[in-house]
Amino acid sequence: MQALNFRREHQELFQSGKYVPLYANCGKEEHVVAFARACQGEAAIVAAPRLSYTLTKGNAEPPLAEAWSDSELVLPPEARGARWHNIFTDEVLNVAERASLCREIFAHFPVALFAVR
């Protein structure tokens, strides 16, 4: 429900915003689908696991922090220096580098929707 409300409140961002595909590294590339959107000072990052059964080595559990080891999500330059608020968990992700650890992005919930705050 939070994601639908966020999308409804930021329609232009998702309908007209610049789309930037994002990629993971460090051996987990095939396990993340992610993108960023930006439009008129608004921005969002969406990330979700992919092929979770393989990622968790067949365990019937969500792919949370420990499943990601040192894998990172490479972020666009515009994301750096911002505080990103996770719409689902209320966690804050401070982006200082070119990438953020997937184990932090998916620390407590297996899907992430971040907005600049």
PDB file of N, CA and C in Angstrom:
ATOM      1  N   MET A   1       0.820  -1.186   0.000  1.00  0.00           N
ATOM      2  CA  MET A   1       0.000   0.000   0.000  1.00  0.00           C
ATOM      3  C   MET A   1       0.873   1.263   0.000  1.00  0.00           C
ATOM      4  N   GLN A   2       2.014   1.213   0.748  1.00  0.00           N
ATOM      5  CA  GLN A   2       2.885   2.389   0.801  1.00  0.00           C
ATOM      6  C   GLN A   2       3.404   2.754  -0.586  1.00  0.00           C
ATOM      7  N   ALA A   3       3.780   1.742  -1.359  1.00  0.00           N
ATOM      8  CA  ALA A   3       4.325   1.999  -2.693  1.00  0.00           C
ATOM      9  C   ALA A   3       3.265   2.612  -3.597  1.00  0.00           C
ATOM     10  N   LEU A   4       2.048   2.106  -3.531  1.00  0.00           N
ATOM     11  CA  LEU A   4       0.968   2.653  -4.362  1.00  0.00           C
ATOM     12  C   LEU A   4       0.649   4.087  -3.958  1.00  0.00           C
ATOM     13  N   ASN A   5       0.630   4.351  -2.660  1.00  0.00           N
ATOM     14  CA  ASN A   5       0.393   5.725  -2.203  1.00  0.00           C
ATOM     15  C   ASN A   5       1.511   6.651  -2.661  1.00  0.00           C
ATOM     16  N   PHE A   6       2.749   6.190  -2.540  1.00  0.00           N
ATOM     17  CA  PHE A   6       3.887   7.004  -2.970  1.00  0.00           C
ATOM     18  C   PHE A   6       3.793   7.293  -4.466  1.00  0.00           C
ATOM     19  N   ARG A   7       3.475   6.273  -5.251  1.00  0.00           N
ATOM     20  CA  ARG A   7       3.366   6.443  -6.705  1.00  0.00           C
ATOM     21  C   ARG A   7       2.241   7.418  -7.046  1.00  0.00           C
ATOM     22  N   ARG A   8       1.121   7.322  -6.358  1.00  0.00           N
ATOM     23  CA  ARG A   8      -0.003   8.226  -6.599  1.00  0.00           C
ATOM     24  C   ARG A   8       0.376   9.673  -6.248  1.00  0.00           C
ATOM     25  N   GLU A   9       1.118   9.844  -5.159  1.00  0.00           N
ATOM     26  CA  GLU A   9       1.519  11.180  -4.719  1.00  0.00           C
ATOM     27  C   GLU A   9       2.610  11.780  -5.597  1.00  0.00           C
ATOM     28  N   HIS A  10       3.342  10.944  -6.333  1.00  0.00           N
ATOM     29  CA  HIS A  10       4.448  11.399  -7.182  1.00  0.00           C
ATOM     30  C   HIS A  10       4.272  10.896  -8.614  1.00  0.00           C
ATOM     31  N   GLN A  11       3.093  11.113  -9.152  1.00  0.00           N
ATOM     32  CA  GLN A  11       2.763  10.596 -10.485  1.00  0.00           C
ATOM     33  C   GLN A  11       3.728  11.053 -11.559  1.00  0.00           C
ATOM     34  N   GLU A  12       4.066  12.328 -11.566  1.00  0.00           N
ATOM     35  CA  GLU A  12       4.946  12.842 -12.616  1.00  0.00           C
ATOM     36  C   GLU A  12       6.323  12.183 -12.577  1.00  0.00           C
ATOM     37  N   LEU A  13       6.802  11.911 -11.384  1.00  0.00           N
ATOM     38  CA  LEU A  13       8.095  11.247 -11.240  1.00  0.00           C
ATOM     39  C   LEU A  13       8.103   9.903 -11.968  1.00  0.00           C
ATOM     40  N   PHE A  14       7.034   9.126 -11.815  1.00  0.00           N
ATOM     41  CA  PHE A  14       6.994   7.793 -12.418  1.00  0.00           C
ATOM     42  C   PHE A  14       6.488   7.798 -13.859  1.00  0.00           C
ATOM     43  N   GLN A  15       5.741   8.811 -14.243  1.00  0.00           N
ATOM     44  CA  GLN A  15       5.239   8.866 -15.621  1.00  0.00           C
ATOM     45  C   GLN A  15       6.199   9.565 -16.566  1.00  0.00           C
ATOM     46  N   SER A  16       6.858  10.621 -16.107  1.00  0.00           N
ATOM     47  CA  SER A  16       7.706  11.430 -16.980  1.00  0.00           C
ATOM     48  C   SER A  16       9.166  11.483 -16.554  1.00  0.00           C
ATOM     49  N   GLY A  17       9.469  10.969 -15.393  1.00  0.00           N
ATOM     50  CA  GLY A  17      10.821  11.071 -14.858  1.00  0.00           C
ATOM     51  C   GLY A  17      11.841  10.298 -15.669  1.00  0.00           C
ATOM     52  N   LYS A  18      13.059  10.763 -15.603  1.00  0.00           N
ATOM     53  CA  LYS A  18      14.184  10.086 -16.254  1.00  0.00           C
ATOM     54  C   LYS A  18      14.365   8.715 -15.617  1.00  0.00           C
ATOM     55  N   TYR A  19      14.463   7.692 -16.443  1.00  0.00           N
ATOM     56  CA  TYR A  19      14.636   6.317 -15.995  1.00  0.00           C
ATOM     57  C   TYR A  19      16.104   5.941 -16.112  1.00  0.00           C
ATOM     58  N   VAL A  20      16.689   5.444 -15.009  1.00  0.00           N
ATOM     59  CA  VAL A  20      18.083   5.014 -15.008  1.00  0.00           C
ATOM     60  C   VAL A  20      18.147   3.598 -14.449  1.00  0.00           C
ATOM     61  N   PRO A  21      18.494   2.595 -15.275  1.00  0.00           N
ATOM     62  CA  PRO A  21      18.638   1.242 -14.732  1.00  0.00           C
ATOM     63  C   PRO A  21      19.850   1.172 -13.804  1.00  0.00           C
ATOM     64  N   LEU A  22      19.735   0.410 -12.737  1.00  0.00           N
ATOM     65  CA  LEU A  22      20.817   0.246 -11.775  1.00  0.00           C
ATOM     66  C   LEU A  22      21.256  -1.213 -11.746  1.00  0.00           C
ATOM     67  N   TYR A  23      22.503  -1.433 -11.367  1.00  0.00           N
ATOM     68  CA  TYR A  23      23.070  -2.773 -11.401  1.00  0.00           C
ATOM     69  C   TYR A  23      23.805  -3.096 -10.108  1.00  0.00           C
ATOM     70  N   ALA A  24      23.778  -4.360  -9.743  1.00  0.00           N
ATOM     71  CA  ALA A  24      24.546  -4.840  -8.589  1.00  0.00           C
ATOM     72  C   ALA A  24      25.894  -5.349  -9.094  1.00  0.00           C
ATOM     73  N   ASN A  25      26.822  -5.517  -8.157  1.00  0.00           N
ATOM     74  CA  ASN A  25      28.138  -6.056  -8.507  1.00  0.00           C
ATOM     75  C   ASN A  25      28.539  -7.109  -7.478  1.00  0.00           C
ATOM     76  N   CYS A  26      29.756  -7.538  -7.511  1.00  0.00           N
ATOM     77  CA  CYS A  26      30.337  -8.498  -6.560  1.00  0.00           C
ATOM     78  C   CYS A  26      29.622  -9.855  -6.560  1.00  0.00           C
ATOM     79  N   GLY A  27      29.259 -10.324  -7.742  1.00  0.00           N
ATOM     80  CA  GLY A  27      28.712 -11.665  -7.861  1.00  0.00           C
ATOM     81  C   GLY A  27      27.220 -11.807  -7.688  1.00  0.00           C
ATOM     82  N   LYS A  28      26.503 -10.735  -7.454  1.00  0.00           N
ATOM     83  CA  LYS A  28      25.050 -10.822  -7.266  1.00  0.00           C
ATOM     84  C   LYS A  28      24.294 -10.083  -8.383  1.00  0.00           C
ATOM     85  N   GLU A  29      24.953  -9.834  -9.484  1.00  0.00           N
ATOM     86  CA  GLU A  29      24.370  -9.049 -10.566  1.00  0.00           C
ATOM     87  C   GLU A  29      23.017  -9.584 -11.021  1.00  0.00           C
ATOM     88  N   GLU A  30      22.898 -10.883 -11.129  1.00  0.00           N
ATOM     89  CA  GLU A  30      21.661 -11.474 -11.636  1.00  0.00           C
ATOM     90  C   GLU A  30      20.547 -11.507 -10.599  1.00  0.00           C
ATOM     91  N   HIS A  31      20.848 -11.129  -9.370  1.00  0.00           N
ATOM     92  CA  HIS A  31      19.872 -11.244  -8.293  1.00  0.00           C
ATOM     93  C   HIS A  31      19.178  -9.933  -7.919  1.00  0.00           C
ATOM     94  N   VAL A  32      19.447  -8.868  -8.638  1.00  0.00           N
ATOM     95  CA  VAL A  32      18.816  -7.578  -8.317  1.00  0.00           C
ATOM     96  C   VAL A  32      18.228  -6.963  -9.574  1.00  0.00           C
ATOM     97  N   VAL A  33      17.017  -6.467  -9.444  1.00  0.00           N
ATOM     98  CA  VAL A  33      16.432  -5.622 -10.479  1.00  0.00           C
ATOM     99  C   VAL A  33      16.182  -4.277  -9.786  1.00  0.00           C
ATOM    100  N   ALA A  34      16.728  -3.204 -10.381  1.00  0.00           N
ATOM    101  CA  ALA A  34      16.640  -1.896  -9.725  1.00  0.00           C
ATOM    102  C   ALA A  34      16.691  -0.781 -10.760  1.00  0.00           C
ATOM    103  N   PHE A  35      16.103   0.347 -10.389  1.00  0.00           N
ATOM    104  CA  PHE A  35      16.152   1.527 -11.243  1.00  0.00           C
ATOM    105  C   PHE A  35      15.963   2.775 -10.397  1.00  0.00           C
ATOM    106  N   ALA A  36      16.352   3.891 -10.967  1.00  0.00           N
ATOM    107  CA  ALA A  36      16.132   5.193 -10.338  1.00  0.00           C
ATOM    108  C   ALA A  36      15.252   6.016 -11.267  1.00  0.00           C
ATOM    109  N   ARG A  37      14.508   6.931 -10.685  1.00  0.00           N
ATOM    110  CA  ARG A  37      13.705   7.888 -11.440  1.00  0.00           C
ATOM    111  C   ARG A  37      14.013   9.271 -10.886  1.00  0.00           C
ATOM    112  N   ALA A  38      14.076  10.265 -11.769  1.00  0.00           N
ATOM    113  CA  ALA A  38      14.308  11.644 -11.336  1.00  0.00           C
ATOM    114  C   ALA A  38      13.499  12.587 -12.206  1.00  0.00           C
ATOM    115  N   CYS A  39      12.900  13.578 -11.559  1.00  0.00           N
ATOM    116  CA  CYS A  39      12.097  14.563 -12.285  1.00  0.00           C
ATOM    117  C   CYS A  39      11.901  15.795 -11.407  1.00  0.00           C
ATOM    118  N   GLN A  40      12.327  16.927 -11.896  1.00  0.00           N
ATOM    119  CA  GLN A  40      12.096  18.227 -11.249  1.00  0.00           C
ATOM    120  C   GLN A  40      12.369  18.215  -9.748  1.00  0.00           C
ATOM    121  N   GLY A  41      13.549  17.792  -9.377  1.00  0.00           N
ATOM    122  CA  GLY A  41      13.951  17.820  -7.974  1.00  0.00           C
ATOM    123  C   GLY A  41      13.477  16.643  -7.147  1.00  0.00           C
ATOM    124  N   GLU A  42      12.654  15.788  -7.701  1.00  0.00           N
ATOM    125  CA  GLU A  42      12.220  14.584  -7.002  1.00  0.00           C
ATOM    126  C   GLU A  42      13.026  13.402  -7.524  1.00  0.00           C
ATOM    127  N   ALA A  43      13.221  12.407  -6.677  1.00  0.00           N
ATOM    128  CA  ALA A  43      13.942  11.219  -7.106  1.00  0.00           C
ATOM    129  C   ALA A  43      13.497  10.018  -6.282  1.00  0.00           C
ATOM    130  N   ALA A  44      13.605   8.852  -6.889  1.00  0.00           N
ATOM    131  CA  ALA A  44      13.276   7.596  -6.212  1.00  0.00           C
ATOM    132  C   ALA A  44      14.213   6.508  -6.718  1.00  0.00           C
ATOM    133  N   ILE A  45      14.486   5.558  -5.849  1.00  0.00           N
ATOM    134  CA  ILE A  45      15.244   4.362  -6.203  1.00  0.00           C
ATOM    135  C   ILE A  45      14.386   3.164  -5.809  1.00  0.00           C
ATOM    136  N   VAL A  46      14.220   2.247  -6.749  1.00  0.00           N
ATOM    137  CA  VAL A  46      13.436   1.040  -6.515  1.00  0.00           C
ATOM    138  C   VAL A  46      14.362  -0.161  -6.695  1.00  0.00           C
ATOM    139  N   ALA A  47      14.329  -1.096  -5.749  1.00  0.00           N
ATOM    140  CA  ALA A  47      15.176  -2.282  -5.844  1.00  0.00           C
ATOM    141  C   ALA A  47      14.423  -3.494  -5.300  1.00  0.00           C
ATOM    142  N   ALA A  48      14.594  -4.616  -5.990  1.00  0.00           N
ATOM    143  CA  ALA A  48      13.955  -5.857  -5.562  1.00  0.00           C
ATOM    144  C   ALA A  48      14.866  -7.034  -5.905  1.00  0.00           C
ATOM    145  N   PRO A  49      14.805  -8.085  -5.100  1.00  0.00           N
ATOM    146  CA  PRO A  49      15.597  -9.268  -5.417  1.00  0.00           C
ATOM    147  C   PRO A  49      14.998 -10.019  -6.595  1.00  0.00           C
ATOM    148  N   ARG A  50      15.829 -10.785  -7.233  1.00  0.00           N
ATOM    149  CA  ARG A  50      15.439 -11.593  -8.385  1.00  0.00           C
ATOM    150  C   ARG A  50      16.099 -12.958  -8.195  1.00  0.00           C
ATOM    151  N   LEU A  51      15.421 -14.001  -8.624  1.00  0.00           N
ATOM    152  CA  LEU A  51      15.950 -15.356  -8.484  1.00  0.00           C
ATOM    153  C   LEU A  51      16.299 -15.657  -7.018  1.00  0.00           C
ATOM    154  N   SER A  52      15.358 -15.367  -6.135  1.00  0.00           N
ATOM    155  CA  SER A  52      15.578 -15.483  -4.692  1.00  0.00           C
ATOM    156  C   SER A  52      15.912 -16.901  -4.245  1.00  0.00           C
ATOM    157  N   TYR A  53      15.309 -17.896  -4.865  1.00  0.00           N
ATOM    158  CA  TYR A  53      15.577 -19.282  -4.471  1.00  0.00           C
ATOM    159  C   TYR A  53      17.059 -19.606  -4.630  1.00  0.00           C
ATOM    160  N   THR A  54      17.630 -19.169  -5.735  1.00  0.00           N
ATOM    161  CA  THR A  54      19.056 -19.395  -5.971  1.00  0.00           C
ATOM    162  C   THR A  54      19.905 -18.571  -5.006  1.00  0.00           C
ATOM    163  N   LEU A  55      19.505 -17.329  -4.804  1.00  0.00           N
ATOM    164  CA  LEU A  55      20.250 -16.433  -3.911  1.00  0.00           C
ATOM    165  C   LEU A  55      20.325 -16.986  -2.488  1.00  0.00           C
ATOM    166  N   THR A  56      19.217 -17.542  -2.001  1.00  0.00           N
ATOM    167  CA  THR A  56      19.184 -18.068  -0.630  1.00  0.00           C
ATOM    168  C   THR A  56      19.575 -19.543  -0.572  1.00  0.00           C
ATOM    169  N   LYS A  57      20.113 -20.057  -1.682  1.00  0.00           N
ATOM    170  CA  LYS A  57      20.594 -21.448  -1.760  1.00  0.00           C
ATOM    171  C   LYS A  57      19.505 -22.453  -1.385  1.00  0.00           C
ATOM    172  N   GLY A  58      18.287 -22.171  -1.827  1.00  0.00           N
ATOM    173  CA  GLY A  58      17.176 -23.089  -1.629  1.00  0.00           C
ATOM    174  C   GLY A  58      16.448 -22.960  -0.311  1.00  0.00           C
ATOM    175  N   ASN A  59      16.871 -22.071   0.544  1.00  0.00           N
ATOM    176  CA  ASN A  59      16.184 -21.857   1.817  1.00  0.00           C
ATOM    177  C   ASN A  59      14.910 -21.056   1.577  1.00  0.00           C
ATOM    178  N   ALA A  60      13.848 -21.451   2.239  1.00  0.00           N
ATOM    179  CA  ALA A  60      12.559 -20.768   2.091  1.00  0.00           C
ATOM    180  C   ALA A  60      12.508 -19.585   3.059  1.00  0.00           C
ATOM    181  N   GLU A  61      13.289 -18.570   2.742  1.00  0.00           N
ATOM    182  CA  GLU A  61      13.350 -17.365   3.576  1.00  0.00           C
ATOM    183  C   GLU A  61      13.577 -16.167   2.664  1.00  0.00           C
ATOM    184  N   PRO A  62      13.150 -14.986   3.101  1.00  0.00           N
ATOM    185  CA  PRO A  62      13.389 -13.811   2.254  1.00  0.00           C
ATOM    186  C   PRO A  62      14.881 -13.488   2.176  1.00  0.00           C
ATOM    187  N   PRO A  63      15.324 -12.981   1.043  1.00  0.00           N
ATOM    188  CA  PRO A  63      16.753 -12.645   0.895  1.00  0.00           C
ATOM    189  C   PRO A  63      17.090 -11.342   1.611  1.00  0.00           C
ATOM    190  N   LEU A  64      17.374 -11.447   2.886  1.00  0.00           N
ATOM    191  CA  LEU A  64      17.702 -10.265   3.682  1.00  0.00           C
ATOM    192  C   LEU A  64      19.206 -10.121   3.814  1.00  0.00           C
ATOM    193  N   ALA A  65      19.638  -9.278   4.694  1.00  0.00           N
ATOM    194  CA  ALA A  65      21.023  -8.808   4.836  1.00  0.00           C
ATOM    195  C   ALA A  65      22.104  -9.834   4.525  1.00  0.00           C
ATOM    196  N   GLU A  66      22.144 -10.927   5.274  1.00  0.00           N
ATOM    197  CA  GLU A  66      23.251 -11.877   5.143  1.00  0.00           C
ATOM    198  C   GLU A  66      23.299 -12.566   3.784  1.00  0.00           C
ATOM    199  N   ALA A  67      22.212 -12.631   3.071  1.00  0.00           N
ATOM    200  CA  ALA A  67      22.193 -13.280   1.754  1.00  0.00           C
ATOM    201  C   ALA A  67      23.013 -12.517   0.713  1.00  0.00           C
ATOM    202  N   TRP A  68      23.290 -11.248   0.975  1.00  0.00           N
ATOM    203  CA  TRP A  68      23.900 -10.386  -0.035  1.00  0.00           C
ATOM    204  C   TRP A  68      25.409 -10.259   0.078  1.00  0.00           C
ATOM    205  N   SER A  69      26.012 -10.766   1.121  1.00  0.00           N
ATOM    206  CA  SER A  69      27.455 -10.648   1.378  1.00  0.00           C
ATOM    207  C   SER A  69      27.960  -9.238   1.061  1.00  0.00           C
ATOM    208  N   ASP A  70      28.948  -9.082   0.192  1.00  0.00           N
ATOM    209  CA  ASP A  70      29.520  -7.755  -0.088  1.00  0.00           C
ATOM    210  C   ASP A  70      28.998  -7.121  -1.377  1.00  0.00           C
ATOM    211  N   SER A  71      27.909  -7.641  -1.883  1.00  0.00           N
ATOM    212  CA  SER A  71      27.348  -7.094  -3.117  1.00  0.00           C
ATOM    213  C   SER A  71      26.876  -5.652  -2.903  1.00  0.00           C
ATOM    214  N   GLU A  72      27.038  -4.851  -3.932  1.00  0.00           N
ATOM    215  CA  GLU A  72      26.645  -3.435  -3.872  1.00  0.00           C
ATOM    216  C   GLU A  72      25.686  -3.106  -5.006  1.00  0.00           C
ATOM    217  N   LEU A  73      24.846  -2.131  -4.772  1.00  0.00           N
ATOM    218  CA  LEU A  73      24.014  -1.564  -5.824  1.00  0.00           C
ATOM    219  C   LEU A  73      24.695  -0.281  -6.269  1.00  0.00           C
ATOM    220  N   VAL A  74      25.092  -0.241  -7.528  1.00  0.00           N
ATOM    221  CA  VAL A  74      25.777   0.928  -8.073  1.00  0.00           C
ATOM    222  C   VAL A  74      24.733   1.992  -8.371  1.00  0.00           C
ATOM    223  N   LEU A  75      24.907   3.169  -7.787  1.00  0.00           N
ATOM    224  CA  LEU A  75      23.919   4.242  -7.871  1.00  0.00           C
ATOM    225  C   LEU A  75      24.363   5.329  -8.843  1.00  0.00           C
ATOM    226  N   PRO A  76      23.407   6.078  -9.386  1.00  0.00           N
ATOM    227  CA  PRO A  76      23.784   7.169 -10.291  1.00  0.00           C
ATOM    228  C   PRO A  76      24.467   8.293  -9.516  1.00  0.00           C
ATOM    229  N   PRO A  77      25.311   9.070 -10.180  1.00  0.00           N
ATOM    230  CA  PRO A  77      26.021  10.162  -9.489  1.00  0.00           C
ATOM    231  C   PRO A  77      25.082  11.114  -8.751  1.00  0.00           C
ATOM    232  N   GLU A  78      23.885  11.324  -9.269  1.00  0.00           N
ATOM    233  CA  GLU A  78      22.923  12.242  -8.641  1.00  0.00           C
ATOM    234  C   GLU A  78      22.475  11.751  -7.265  1.00  0.00           C
ATOM    235  N   ALA A  79      22.625  10.471  -6.989  1.00  0.00           N
ATOM    236  CA  ALA A  79      22.177   9.913  -5.714  1.00  0.00           C
ATOM    237  C   ALA A  79      23.142  10.197  -4.573  1.00  0.00           C
ATOM    238  N   ARG A  80      24.382  10.493  -4.916  1.00  0.00           N
ATOM    239  CA  ARG A  80      25.415  10.681  -3.890  1.00  0.00           C
ATOM    240  C   ARG A  80      25.191  11.943  -3.076  1.00  0.00           C
ATOM    241  N   GLY A  81      25.509  11.834  -1.816  1.00  0.00           N
ATOM    242  CA  GLY A  81      25.388  12.972  -0.919  1.00  0.00           C
ATOM    243  C   GLY A  81      23.983  13.190  -0.394  1.00  0.00           C
ATOM    244  N   ALA A  82      23.072  12.296  -0.721  1.00  0.00           N
ATOM    245  CA  ALA A  82      21.677  12.466  -0.292  1.00  0.00           C
ATOM    246  C   ALA A  82      21.328  11.477   0.814  1.00  0.00           C
ATOM    247  N   ARG A  83      20.284  11.824   1.553  1.00  0.00           N
ATOM    248  CA  ARG A  83      19.697  10.916   2.542  1.00  0.00           C
ATOM    249  C   ARG A  83      18.447  10.337   1.898  1.00  0.00           C
ATOM    250  N   TRP A  84      18.436   9.030   1.750  1.00  0.00           N
ATOM    251  CA  TRP A  84      17.320   8.339   1.112  1.00  0.00           C
ATOM    252  C   TRP A  84      16.468   7.657   2.176  1.00  0.00           C
ATOM    253  N   HIS A  85      15.176   7.881   2.124  1.00  0.00           N
ATOM    254  CA  HIS A  85      14.235   7.322   3.086  1.00  0.00           C
ATOM    255  C   HIS A  85      13.526   6.125   2.451  1.00  0.00           C
ATOM    256  N   ASN A  86      13.574   4.968   3.104  1.00  0.00           N
ATOM    257  CA  ASN A  86      12.901   3.772   2.612  1.00  0.00           C
ATOM    258  C   ASN A  86      11.416   3.862   2.975  1.00  0.00           C
ATOM    259  N   ILE A  87      10.568   3.901   1.981  1.00  0.00           N
ATOM    260  CA  ILE A  87       9.127   4.057   2.167  1.00  0.00           C
ATOM    261  C   ILE A  87       8.543   2.880   2.956  1.00  0.00           C
ATOM    262  N   PHE A  88       9.103   1.695   2.811  1.00  0.00           N
ATOM    263  CA  PHE A  88       8.579   0.509   3.481  1.00  0.00           C
ATOM    264  C   PHE A  88       9.012   0.381   4.934  1.00  0.00           C
ATOM    265  N   THR A  89      10.250   0.746   5.244  1.00  0.00           N
ATOM    266  CA  THR A  89      10.802   0.460   6.579  1.00  0.00           C
ATOM    267  C   THR A  89      11.124   1.702   7.406  1.00  0.00           C
ATOM    268  N   ASP A  90      11.052   2.875   6.819  1.00  0.00           N
ATOM    269  CA  ASP A  90      11.427   4.140   7.470  1.00  0.00           C
ATOM    270  C   ASP A  90      12.926   4.240   7.748  1.00  0.00           C
ATOM    271  N   GLU A  91      13.711   3.294   7.244  1.00  0.00           N
ATOM    272  CA  GLU A  91      15.159   3.372   7.411  1.00  0.00           C
ATOM    273  C   GLU A  91      15.720   4.479   6.515  1.00  0.00           C
ATOM    274  N   VAL A  92      16.865   5.007   6.905  1.00  0.00           N
ATOM    275  CA  VAL A  92      17.530   6.041   6.126  1.00  0.00           C
ATOM    276  C   VAL A  92      18.830   5.473   5.588  1.00  0.00           C
ATOM    277  N   LEU A  93      19.071   5.697   4.318  1.00  0.00           N
ATOM    278  CA  LEU A  93      20.295   5.271   3.657  1.00  0.00           C
ATOM    279  C   LEU A  93      21.048   6.528   3.253  1.00  0.00           C
ATOM    280  N   ASN A  94      22.214   6.729   3.851  1.00  0.00           N
ATOM    281  CA  ASN A  94      23.057   7.865   3.492  1.00  0.00           C
ATOM    282  C   ASN A  94      24.013   7.418   2.393  1.00  0.00           C
ATOM    283  N   VAL A  95      23.923   8.041   1.252  1.00  0.00           N
ATOM    284  CA  VAL A  95      24.738   7.641   0.104  1.00  0.00           C
ATOM    285  C   VAL A  95      25.901   8.608  -0.031  1.00  0.00           C
ATOM    286  N   ALA A  96      27.092   8.128   0.272  1.00  0.00           N
ATOM    287  CA  ALA A  96      28.288   8.955   0.154  1.00  0.00           C
ATOM    288  C   ALA A  96      29.169   8.486  -0.995  1.00  0.00           C
ATOM    289  N   GLU A  97      29.072   7.217  -1.331  1.00  0.00           N
ATOM    290  CA  GLU A  97      29.935   6.620  -2.347  1.00  0.00           C
ATOM    291  C   GLU A  97      29.155   6.363  -3.629  1.00  0.00           C
ATOM    292  N   ARG A  98      29.810   5.699  -4.570  1.00  0.00           N
ATOM    293  CA  ARG A  98      29.171   5.384  -5.842  1.00  0.00           C
ATOM    294  C   ARG A  98      28.228   4.199  -5.748  1.00  0.00           C
ATOM    295  N   ALA A  99      28.266   3.487  -4.615  1.00  0.00           N
ATOM    296  CA  ALA A  99      27.438   2.298  -4.447  1.00  0.00           C
ATOM    297  C   ALA A  99      27.038   2.146  -2.981  1.00  0.00           C
ATOM    298  N   SER A 100      25.964   1.397  -2.768  1.00  0.00           N
ATOM    299  CA  SER A 100      25.518   1.079  -1.414  1.00  0.00           C
ATOM    300  C   SER A 100      25.426  -0.431  -1.287  1.00  0.00           C
ATOM    301  N   LEU A 101      25.750  -0.933  -0.120  1.00  0.00           N
ATOM    302  CA  LEU A 101      25.715  -2.372   0.117  1.00  0.00           C
ATOM    303  C   LEU A 101      24.284  -2.900   0.057  1.00  0.00           C
ATOM    304  N   CYS A 102      24.095  -3.975  -0.685  1.00  0.00           N
ATOM    305  CA  CYS A 102      22.773  -4.601  -0.773  1.00  0.00           C
ATOM    306  C   CYS A 102      22.310  -5.094   0.593  1.00  0.00           C
ATOM    307  N   ARG A 103      23.252  -5.523   1.429  1.00  0.00           N
ATOM    308  CA  ARG A 103      22.852  -6.005   2.760  1.00  0.00           C
ATOM    309  C   ARG A 103      22.276  -4.874   3.610  1.00  0.00           C
ATOM    310  N   GLU A 104      22.610  -3.623   3.310  1.00  0.00           N
ATOM    311  CA  GLU A 104      21.997  -2.488   3.998  1.00  0.00           C
ATOM    312  C   GLU A 104      20.663  -2.122   3.357  1.00  0.00           C
ATOM    313  N   ILE A 105      20.614  -2.179   2.041  1.00  0.00           N
ATOM    314  CA  ILE A 105      19.378  -1.856   1.325  1.00  0.00           C
ATOM    315  C   ILE A 105      18.272  -2.846   1.693  1.00  0.00           C
ATOM    316  N   PHE A 106      18.632  -4.142   1.768  1.00  0.00           N
ATOM    317  CA  PHE A 106      17.668  -5.197   2.078  1.00  0.00           C
ATOM    318  C   PHE A 106      17.865  -5.729   3.503  1.00  0.00           C
ATOM    319  N   ALA A 107      18.229  -4.876   4.426  1.00  0.00           N
ATOM    320  CA  ALA A 107      18.530  -5.309   5.790  1.00  0.00           C
ATOM    321  C   ALA A 107      17.335  -5.949   6.495  1.00  0.00           C
ATOM    322  N   HIS A 108      16.156  -5.352   6.363  1.00  0.00           N
ATOM    323  CA  HIS A 108      15.002  -5.829   7.129  1.00  0.00           C
ATOM    324  C   HIS A 108      13.782  -6.146   6.281  1.00  0.00           C
ATOM    325  N   PHE A 109      13.848  -5.847   5.000  1.00  0.00           N
ATOM    326  CA  PHE A 109      12.707  -6.066   4.117  1.00  0.00           C
ATOM    327  C   PHE A 109      13.253  -6.361   2.727  1.00  0.00           C
ATOM    328  N   PRO A 110      12.690  -7.333   2.021  1.00  0.00           N
ATOM    329  CA  PRO A 110      13.309  -7.766   0.761  1.00  0.00           C
ATOM    330  C   PRO A 110      13.025  -6.883  -0.451  1.00  0.00           C
ATOM    331  N   VAL A 111      12.347  -5.778  -0.281  1.00  0.00           N
ATOM    332  CA  VAL A 111      12.079  -4.841  -1.382  1.00  0.00           C
ATOM    333  C   VAL A 111      12.351  -3.437  -0.856  1.00  0.00           C
ATOM    334  N   ALA A 112      12.859  -2.564  -1.712  1.00  0.00           N
ATOM    335  CA  ALA A 112      13.162  -1.199  -1.260  1.00  0.00           C
ATOM    336  C   ALA A 112      12.596  -0.167  -2.234  1.00  0.00           C
ATOM    337  N   LEU A 113      12.048   0.872  -1.661  1.00  0.00           N
ATOM    338  CA  LEU A 113      11.620   2.051  -2.419  1.00  0.00           C
ATOM    339  C   LEU A 113      12.117   3.255  -1.624  1.00  0.00           C
ATOM    340  N   PHE A 114      13.152   3.897  -2.167  1.00  0.00           N
ATOM    341  CA  PHE A 114      13.774   5.033  -1.484  1.00  0.00           C
ATOM    342  C   PHE A 114      13.380   6.334  -2.147  1.00  0.00           C
ATOM    343  N   ALA A 115      13.160   7.350  -1.335  1.00  0.00           N
ATOM    344  CA  ALA A 115      12.896   8.703  -1.814  1.00  0.00           C
ATOM    345  C   ALA A 115      13.852   9.641  -1.108  1.00  0.00           C
ATOM    346  N   VAL A 116      14.246  10.707  -1.771  1.00  0.00           N
ATOM    347  CA  VAL A 116      15.147  11.688  -1.169  1.00  0.00           C
ATOM    348  C   VAL A 116      14.411  12.394  -0.048  1.00  0.00           C
ATOM    349  N   ARG A 117      15.134  12.566   1.051  1.00  0.00           N
ATOM    350  CA  ARG A 117      14.558  13.280   2.185  1.00  0.00           C
ATOM    351  C   ARG A 117      15.544  14.248   2.735  1.00  0.00           C
TER     352      ARG A 117
END
